[in-house]
Amino acid sequence: MRRVFISAVISLAVLSFSAGFSGAQNLDASFFLRAPAEVAQDLFQKMISMKPDDGDYMLQAGLSYWEKGQRANAEDLFARALKASPKSYKIPLRMGTAYLKKGENQRADELIQQAVKIKPKEENLYLEAGLAYLQARQGTKAEEMFAKVYQLDPDDEENYLDIGYGYLKAGQVEKAGELFEKAFKMKPDRYRSFIHTAVAYLEVGQEQKAWETYDRAVAAKPKEENIPLWMAMACLKKGQTAKGEELFAKVVQLDPKDEDNYLDMAEIYAEQGQASKVEELTGKAVSYAPKKNVLLRAGLAFLKAGQPAKAEEYFNRSFQAAPDDEDLYVDAGLAYLEKGDTQKAAELFAKGINLKPKKEKLYLKIGQAYVKKT
């Protein structure tokens, strides 16, 4: 009982401190070593005090609570977001799609219609709502929304692609294919449309269609390295290692010194715990471009692959390259937090925030990470 009382007193003291401090004071690591719920709450409070008229930040914080099933916290922030930015269609729209995912259809419809009233000629509104309805298996409402998209901009191939991907995920392969072909006819030389579609087909197990579409991408731009790169990454994710490595050999042939290509592949091998491949690929990336972000990404890959000593080595090299870049410390801290090293994460968060105490995005990003830990 006494422990609960002491915890409550500490929490109230921190909340009072957060609401009033101007951003000039430093935060030490102990701030981030409290209960994740308290840390998240205090960070969001600070963020809101810095941006009281920006409902988007409140919305994003609320959505992180919503995804964790913390309804009271989420709806409090939703209400504050609507009040702060009453002319933003994105706030009721994204609230509506959030309710739709939970099966609360009536509330979802009300919010989506509220968004429509705010900006009735915004095609992205109808596109996002339609995809959400499709995911919720409300096909009729999805079609109604998509009809508005086509009406507002019938010549935007991206809309047909995005809607096609939605149908593909929903298992409606033929419908998806029809929409893809419409997009391809509008921009027959746009390789990105073909390769993104090829990857989407591969992800849902439509192997033949995937490779046919991949060949069309290559035909559109034979010397574009991103075409085999993106397909190689998709193959690795599907466990098609030999094919992925074959494609990556083509990437290296097209551009042997692009550090991002090696890092993109290293990140996928890291997810699979293949530390030797991570070391090989990050080594090449760093040899070509020993820059702060390359070093950071190398460290992130090693940490994900279960190589904390190597990760720390690369993180430190990144910090040395740009000691005043707050994002480096925060991004490394987020990776440590995900891995469960709360002490290391706390030290890095304190360092990053104290470099830029008035950068509200840092509070949001770190706060969202702590919500995931609640």
Protein backbone atom coordinates (compact mmCIF):
# COMPACT_ATOMS: atom_id res chain seq x y z
CA MET A 1 0.00 0.00 0.00
CA ARG A 2 2.81 2.36 0.90
CA ARG A 3 4.60 1.57 -2.38
CA VAL A 4 1.49 2.51 -4.38
CA PHE A 5 1.21 5.78 -2.47
CA ILE A 6 4.85 6.69 -3.09
CA SER A 7 4.50 5.84 -6.78
CA ALA A 8 1.44 8.07 -7.06
CA VAL A 9 3.26 10.96 -5.39
CA ILE A 10 6.21 10.61 -7.75
CA SER A 11 3.89 10.44 -10.76
CA LEU A 12 2.03 13.59 -9.72
CA ALA A 13 5.30 15.41 -9.17
CA VAL A 14 6.56 14.48 -12.63
CA LEU A 15 3.28 15.52 -14.26
CA SER A 16 3.46 18.87 -12.55
CA PHE A 17 7.04 19.29 -13.72
CA SER A 18 6.19 18.28 -17.31
CA ALA A 19 3.25 20.62 -17.67
CA GLY A 20 5.19 23.64 -16.55
CA PHE A 21 8.70 23.29 -17.84
CA SER A 22 9.65 25.37 -20.84
CA GLY A 23 12.01 22.97 -22.56
CA ALA A 24 15.19 24.55 -21.18
CA GLN A 25 15.62 22.05 -18.34
CA ASN A 26 17.47 18.81 -18.88
CA LEU A 27 16.00 15.36 -18.57
CA ASP A 28 18.25 12.67 -17.17
CA ALA A 29 18.05 8.94 -17.78
CA SER A 30 15.97 8.37 -14.64
CA PHE A 31 13.04 10.12 -16.32
CA PHE A 32 12.90 7.27 -18.86
CA LEU A 33 13.43 4.47 -16.34
CA ARG A 34 10.01 4.78 -14.72
CA ALA A 35 6.94 2.75 -15.64
CA PRO A 36 6.40 2.91 -19.44
CA ALA A 37 2.87 4.26 -19.01
CA GLU A 38 4.13 7.18 -16.93
CA VAL A 39 6.93 7.97 -19.35
CA ALA A 40 4.58 7.97 -22.34
CA GLN A 41 2.01 10.14 -20.57
CA ASP A 42 4.59 12.72 -19.53
CA LEU A 43 6.20 12.86 -22.96
CA PHE A 44 2.84 13.38 -24.66
CA GLN A 45 1.97 16.08 -22.13
CA LYS A 46 5.20 17.90 -22.94
CA MET A 47 4.59 17.53 -26.67
CA ILE A 48 1.08 18.96 -26.39
CA SER A 49 2.29 21.90 -24.31
CA MET A 50 4.66 22.74 -27.16
CA LYS A 51 2.03 22.31 -29.92
CA PRO A 52 -1.36 23.05 -28.31
CA ASP A 53 -2.91 24.03 -31.64
CA ASP A 54 -1.73 21.03 -33.64
CA GLY A 55 -4.26 18.24 -33.39
CA ASP A 56 -2.22 15.91 -35.58
CA TYR A 57 0.28 15.26 -32.80
CA MET A 58 -2.55 14.50 -30.38
CA LEU A 59 -4.13 12.19 -32.95
CA GLN A 60 -0.91 10.23 -33.45
CA ALA A 61 -0.45 9.84 -29.72
CA GLY A 62 -4.07 8.76 -29.37
CA LEU A 63 -3.74 6.18 -32.13
CA SER A 64 -0.78 4.60 -30.36
CA TYR A 65 -2.95 4.12 -27.28
CA TRP A 66 -5.83 2.86 -29.41
CA GLU A 67 -3.69 0.16 -31.00
CA LYS A 68 -2.77 -1.05 -27.51
CA GLY A 69 -6.42 -1.18 -26.48
CA GLN A 70 -6.11 1.72 -24.02
CA ARG A 71 -9.41 3.29 -24.95
CA ALA A 72 -9.73 5.97 -22.27
CA ASN A 73 -6.31 7.48 -23.02
CA ALA A 74 -6.95 7.27 -26.76
CA GLU A 75 -10.37 8.91 -26.71
CA ASP A 76 -9.16 11.71 -24.47
CA LEU A 77 -6.50 12.58 -27.04
CA PHE A 78 -8.94 12.13 -29.94
CA ALA A 79 -11.29 14.67 -28.38
CA ARG A 80 -8.45 17.12 -27.82
CA ALA A 81 -7.27 16.64 -31.41
CA LEU A 82 -10.70 17.43 -32.84
CA LYS A 83 -10.92 20.56 -30.71
CA ALA A 84 -7.39 21.73 -31.54
CA SER A 85 -7.73 21.31 -35.33
CA PRO A 86 -11.42 21.47 -36.27
CA LYS A 87 -10.64 22.13 -39.95
CA SER A 88 -8.43 19.10 -40.46
CA TYR A 89 -10.21 16.29 -42.31
CA LYS A 90 -7.41 13.86 -41.48
CA ILE A 91 -8.25 13.77 -37.77
CA PRO A 92 -11.86 12.51 -38.00
CA LEU A 93 -10.91 10.35 -40.98
CA ARG A 94 -8.16 8.49 -39.13
CA MET A 95 -10.23 8.25 -36.02
CA GLY A 96 -12.97 6.75 -38.17
CA THR A 97 -10.69 4.16 -39.71
CA ALA A 98 -9.42 3.28 -36.23
CA TYR A 99 -12.97 2.62 -35.01
CA LEU A 100 -13.64 0.64 -38.18
CA LYS A 101 -10.76 -1.72 -37.38
CA LYS A 102 -12.40 -2.41 -34.02
CA GLY A 103 -15.73 -3.20 -35.69
CA GLU A 104 -17.45 -0.08 -34.31
CA ASN A 105 -19.09 0.72 -37.61
CA GLN A 106 -21.62 3.35 -36.59
CA ARG A 107 -19.04 5.56 -34.90
CA ALA A 108 -16.66 4.99 -37.80
CA ASP A 109 -19.29 6.11 -40.33
CA GLU A 110 -20.05 9.24 -38.32
CA LEU A 111 -16.41 10.28 -38.20
CA ILE A 112 -15.73 9.54 -41.86
CA GLN A 113 -18.77 11.60 -42.86
CA GLN A 114 -17.50 14.39 -40.60
CA ALA A 115 -14.26 14.32 -42.57
CA VAL A 116 -16.20 14.45 -45.85
CA LYS A 117 -18.06 17.57 -44.69
CA ILE A 118 -14.76 19.28 -43.91
CA LYS A 119 -13.19 18.56 -47.31
CA PRO A 120 -15.67 17.00 -49.76
CA LYS A 121 -13.38 17.16 -52.79
CA GLU A 122 -10.28 15.55 -51.31
CA GLU A 123 -9.60 12.34 -53.25
CA ASN A 124 -7.14 10.99 -50.66
CA LEU A 125 -9.90 11.10 -48.08
CA TYR A 126 -12.11 8.77 -50.12
CA LEU A 127 -9.14 6.57 -51.01
CA GLU A 128 -8.11 6.07 -47.38
CA ALA A 129 -11.68 5.52 -46.22
CA GLY A 130 -12.36 3.10 -49.07
CA LEU A 131 -9.31 1.01 -48.27
CA ALA A 132 -10.34 0.89 -44.62
CA TYR A 133 -13.84 -0.26 -45.55
CA LEU A 134 -12.36 -2.88 -47.86
CA GLN A 135 -10.12 -4.17 -45.08
CA ALA A 136 -13.19 -4.31 -42.82
CA ARG A 137 -14.96 -6.40 -45.49
CA GLN A 138 -17.54 -3.75 -46.22
CA GLY A 139 -17.28 -4.01 -49.99
CA THR A 140 -20.28 -1.85 -50.90
CA LYS A 141 -19.09 1.12 -48.88
CA ALA A 142 -15.58 0.65 -50.20
CA GLU A 143 -16.86 0.79 -53.79
CA GLU A 144 -18.81 3.97 -53.02
CA MET A 145 -15.65 5.62 -51.76
CA PHE A 146 -13.57 4.42 -54.69
CA ALA A 147 -16.18 5.76 -57.13
CA LYS A 148 -15.59 9.22 -55.65
CA VAL A 149 -11.85 8.80 -56.09
CA TYR A 150 -12.24 7.97 -59.79
CA GLN A 151 -14.69 10.83 -60.24
CA LEU A 152 -12.40 13.41 -58.66
CA ASP A 153 -9.27 12.33 -60.54
CA PRO A 154 -9.80 9.69 -63.23
CA ASP A 155 -6.26 10.05 -64.62
CA ASP A 156 -4.18 9.42 -61.51
CA GLU A 157 -2.61 5.99 -61.96
CA GLU A 158 -1.49 5.91 -58.32
CA ASN A 159 -5.12 5.66 -57.20
CA TYR A 160 -5.70 2.57 -59.32
CA LEU A 161 -2.52 1.01 -57.98
CA ASP A 162 -3.35 1.74 -54.35
CA ILE A 163 -6.88 0.40 -54.70
CA GLY A 164 -5.53 -2.61 -56.56
CA TYR A 165 -3.17 -3.38 -53.68
CA GLY A 166 -6.15 -3.17 -51.35
CA TYR A 167 -8.08 -5.73 -53.36
CA LEU A 168 -5.02 -7.94 -53.62
CA LYS A 169 -4.65 -8.02 -49.84
CA ALA A 170 -8.35 -8.81 -49.60
CA GLY A 171 -7.82 -11.86 -51.83
CA GLN A 172 -9.59 -10.43 -54.88
CA VAL A 173 -6.77 -11.09 -57.33
CA GLU A 174 -8.73 -10.62 -60.57
CA LYS A 175 -10.17 -7.29 -59.44
CA ALA A 176 -6.71 -6.16 -58.42
CA GLY A 177 -5.30 -7.17 -61.79
CA GLU A 178 -7.91 -5.13 -63.67
CA LEU A 179 -6.96 -2.02 -61.70
CA PHE A 180 -3.25 -2.61 -62.17
CA GLU A 181 -3.69 -2.85 -65.94
CA LYS A 182 -5.53 0.48 -65.98
CA ALA A 183 -2.61 2.07 -64.16
CA PHE A 184 -0.05 0.49 -66.49
CA LYS A 185 -1.85 1.80 -69.57
CA MET A 186 -1.77 5.32 -68.19
CA LYS A 187 1.99 5.24 -67.58
CA PRO A 188 3.46 2.35 -69.61
CA ASP A 189 7.07 3.47 -69.00
CA ARG A 190 6.80 3.98 -65.25
CA TYR A 191 8.89 1.14 -63.86
CA ARG A 192 7.91 1.82 -60.25
CA SER A 193 4.31 0.82 -60.94
CA PHE A 194 5.42 -2.53 -62.32
CA ILE A 195 7.96 -3.41 -59.64
CA HIS A 196 5.75 -2.39 -56.72
CA THR A 197 2.98 -4.51 -58.18
CA ALA A 198 5.36 -7.43 -58.74
CA VAL A 199 6.41 -7.28 -55.08
CA ALA A 200 2.77 -7.10 -53.99
CA TYR A 201 1.94 -10.19 -56.04
CA LEU A 202 4.91 -12.05 -54.55
CA GLU A 203 3.89 -11.14 -51.01
CA VAL A 204 0.45 -12.75 -51.44
CA GLY A 205 1.83 -15.86 -53.17
CA GLN A 206 0.89 -15.01 -56.75
CA GLU A 207 4.22 -16.22 -58.09
CA GLN A 208 3.49 -16.32 -61.81
CA LYS A 209 1.92 -12.87 -61.87
CA ALA A 210 4.80 -11.56 -59.75
CA TRP A 211 7.49 -12.63 -62.19
CA GLU A 212 5.51 -11.61 -65.25
CA THR A 213 5.12 -8.14 -63.80
CA TYR A 214 8.77 -8.05 -62.76
CA ASP A 215 9.76 -8.74 -66.38
CA ARG A 216 7.60 -5.80 -67.46
CA ALA A 217 9.43 -3.57 -64.99
CA VAL A 218 12.80 -4.63 -66.40
CA ALA A 219 11.54 -4.03 -69.94
CA ALA A 220 10.44 -0.51 -68.95
CA LYS A 221 13.87 0.39 -67.52
CA PRO A 222 16.53 -2.30 -67.98
CA LYS A 223 19.34 -0.54 -66.11
CA GLU A 224 17.38 0.55 -63.03
CA GLU A 225 18.99 -1.04 -59.95
CA ASN A 226 15.92 -0.64 -57.74
CA ILE A 227 14.00 -3.19 -59.81
CA PRO A 228 16.14 -6.22 -58.91
CA LEU A 229 16.82 -4.75 -55.44
CA TRP A 230 13.17 -4.55 -54.39
CA MET A 231 12.44 -7.98 -55.82
CA ALA A 232 15.51 -9.42 -54.09
CA MET A 233 14.33 -8.04 -50.76
CA ALA A 234 10.85 -9.49 -51.33
CA CYS A 235 12.36 -12.88 -52.15
CA LEU A 236 14.43 -12.90 -48.96
CA LYS A 237 11.34 -12.07 -46.90
CA LYS A 238 9.56 -15.01 -48.51
CA GLY A 239 12.45 -17.34 -47.74
CA GLN A 240 13.56 -17.54 -51.38
CA THR A 241 17.19 -16.94 -50.47
CA ALA A 242 18.89 -18.26 -53.60
CA LYS A 243 16.69 -16.18 -55.90
CA GLY A 244 17.16 -13.12 -53.70
CA GLU A 245 20.94 -13.42 -53.85
CA GLU A 246 20.84 -13.96 -57.59
CA LEU A 247 18.88 -10.75 -58.03
CA PHE A 248 21.13 -8.82 -55.67
CA ALA A 249 24.13 -9.82 -57.79
CA LYS A 250 22.44 -7.91 -60.61
CA VAL A 251 22.01 -4.91 -58.33
CA VAL A 252 25.73 -4.87 -57.52
CA GLN A 253 26.57 -5.22 -61.20
CA LEU A 254 24.43 -2.17 -62.01
CA ASP A 255 25.84 -0.05 -59.16
CA PRO A 256 28.58 -1.64 -57.04
CA LYS A 257 29.11 1.39 -54.77
CA ASP A 258 25.60 2.37 -53.63
CA GLU A 259 25.75 1.95 -49.86
CA ASP A 260 21.98 1.97 -49.43
CA ASN A 261 21.60 -1.20 -51.50
CA TYR A 262 23.88 -3.13 -49.15
CA LEU A 263 22.13 -1.73 -46.08
CA ASP A 264 18.66 -2.55 -47.41
CA MET A 265 19.66 -6.19 -47.83
CA ALA A 266 21.51 -6.24 -44.50
CA GLU A 267 18.36 -5.17 -42.67
CA ILE A 268 16.43 -8.15 -43.99
CA TYR A 269 19.22 -10.58 -43.13
CA ALA A 270 19.27 -9.00 -39.67
CA GLU A 271 15.59 -9.84 -39.19
CA GLN A 272 16.51 -13.44 -39.96
CA GLY A 273 19.39 -13.39 -37.49
CA GLN A 274 22.07 -13.94 -40.13
CA ALA A 275 24.86 -11.98 -38.48
CA SER A 276 27.58 -13.03 -40.94
CA LYS A 277 25.59 -11.64 -43.89
CA VAL A 278 24.91 -8.46 -41.93
CA GLU A 279 28.64 -8.02 -41.28
CA GLU A 280 29.53 -8.63 -44.93
CA LEU A 281 26.96 -6.18 -46.30
CA THR A 282 27.33 -3.41 -43.73
CA GLY A 283 31.11 -3.63 -44.11
CA LYS A 284 30.77 -2.86 -47.81
CA ALA A 285 28.29 -0.05 -47.18
CA VAL A 286 30.55 1.64 -44.64
CA SER A 287 33.62 1.23 -46.83
CA TYR A 288 31.89 3.18 -49.60
CA ALA A 289 30.22 5.81 -47.40
CA PRO A 290 31.35 6.08 -43.74
CA LYS A 291 28.66 8.69 -43.02
CA LYS A 292 26.60 9.16 -39.86
CA ASN A 293 23.39 7.62 -41.20
CA VAL A 294 25.20 4.68 -42.79
CA LEU A 295 26.96 3.96 -39.51
CA LEU A 296 23.66 4.26 -37.65
CA ARG A 297 21.88 1.87 -39.99
CA ALA A 298 24.76 -0.59 -39.65
CA GLY A 299 24.41 -0.44 -35.87
CA LEU A 300 20.66 -0.96 -36.08
CA ALA A 301 21.17 -4.02 -38.29
CA PHE A 302 23.70 -5.55 -35.90
CA LEU A 303 21.42 -4.96 -32.92
CA LYS A 304 18.51 -6.60 -34.70
CA ALA A 305 20.75 -9.53 -35.62
CA GLY A 306 21.63 -10.07 -31.96
CA GLN A 307 25.13 -8.55 -32.05
CA PRO A 308 24.99 -5.81 -29.36
CA ALA A 309 28.76 -5.28 -29.13
CA LYS A 310 29.04 -4.65 -32.86
CA ALA A 311 25.96 -2.47 -32.74
CA GLU A 312 27.42 -0.28 -30.01
CA GLU A 313 30.65 0.07 -31.96
CA TYR A 314 28.82 1.42 -35.00
CA PHE A 315 26.50 3.61 -32.95
CA ASN A 316 29.49 5.23 -31.28
CA ARG A 317 31.11 5.86 -34.64
CA SER A 318 27.88 7.47 -35.81
CA PHE A 319 27.72 9.72 -32.74
CA GLN A 320 31.37 10.72 -33.22
CA ALA A 321 30.63 11.64 -36.83
CA ALA A 322 27.76 13.94 -35.79
CA PRO A 323 27.77 14.52 -32.02
CA ASP A 324 25.01 17.16 -32.20
CA ASP A 325 22.51 15.15 -34.25
CA GLU A 326 19.69 14.38 -31.81
CA ASP A 327 17.98 11.92 -34.14
CA LEU A 328 20.94 9.55 -34.09
CA TYR A 329 20.69 9.12 -30.32
CA VAL A 330 16.90 8.79 -30.34
CA ASP A 331 16.84 6.25 -33.18
CA ALA A 332 19.50 4.14 -31.50
CA GLY A 333 17.60 4.44 -28.22
CA LEU A 334 14.40 3.21 -29.86
CA ALA A 335 16.22 0.11 -31.09
CA TYR A 336 17.60 -0.62 -27.61
CA LEU A 337 14.16 -0.11 -26.08
CA GLU A 338 12.63 -2.58 -28.52
CA LYS A 339 15.32 -5.09 -27.56
CA GLY A 340 14.57 -4.58 -23.86
CA ASP A 341 17.75 -2.69 -22.88
CA THR A 342 15.92 0.08 -21.05
CA GLN A 343 19.01 1.51 -19.36
CA LYS A 344 20.85 2.06 -22.62
CA ALA A 345 17.70 3.41 -24.25
CA ALA A 346 17.12 5.86 -21.40
CA GLU A 347 20.66 7.23 -21.61
CA LEU A 348 20.35 7.80 -25.35
CA PHE A 349 16.89 9.38 -25.11
CA ALA A 350 18.14 11.83 -22.50
CA LYS A 351 21.10 12.73 -24.70
CA GLY A 352 18.94 13.23 -27.79
CA ILE A 353 16.19 15.26 -26.17
CA ASN A 354 18.63 17.48 -24.28
CA LEU A 355 20.24 18.39 -27.60
CA LYS A 356 16.89 19.60 -28.98
CA PRO A 357 14.48 20.03 -26.04
CA LYS A 358 11.94 21.92 -28.14
CA LYS A 359 11.66 19.40 -30.98
CA GLU A 360 8.18 17.99 -30.36
CA LYS A 361 8.59 15.10 -32.79
CA LEU A 362 11.11 13.52 -30.45
CA TYR A 363 8.60 13.42 -27.60
CA LEU A 364 5.98 11.87 -29.85
CA LYS A 365 8.28 9.21 -31.27
CA ILE A 366 9.69 8.16 -27.90
CA GLY A 367 6.27 8.33 -26.26
CA GLN A 368 4.79 6.01 -28.88
CA ALA A 369 7.58 3.52 -28.26
CA TYR A 370 6.85 3.50 -24.52
CA VAL A 371 3.13 2.98 -25.16
CA LYS A 372 4.07 -0.23 -26.99
CA LYS A 373 5.85 -1.34 -23.81
CA THR A 374 2.77 -0.85 -21.59
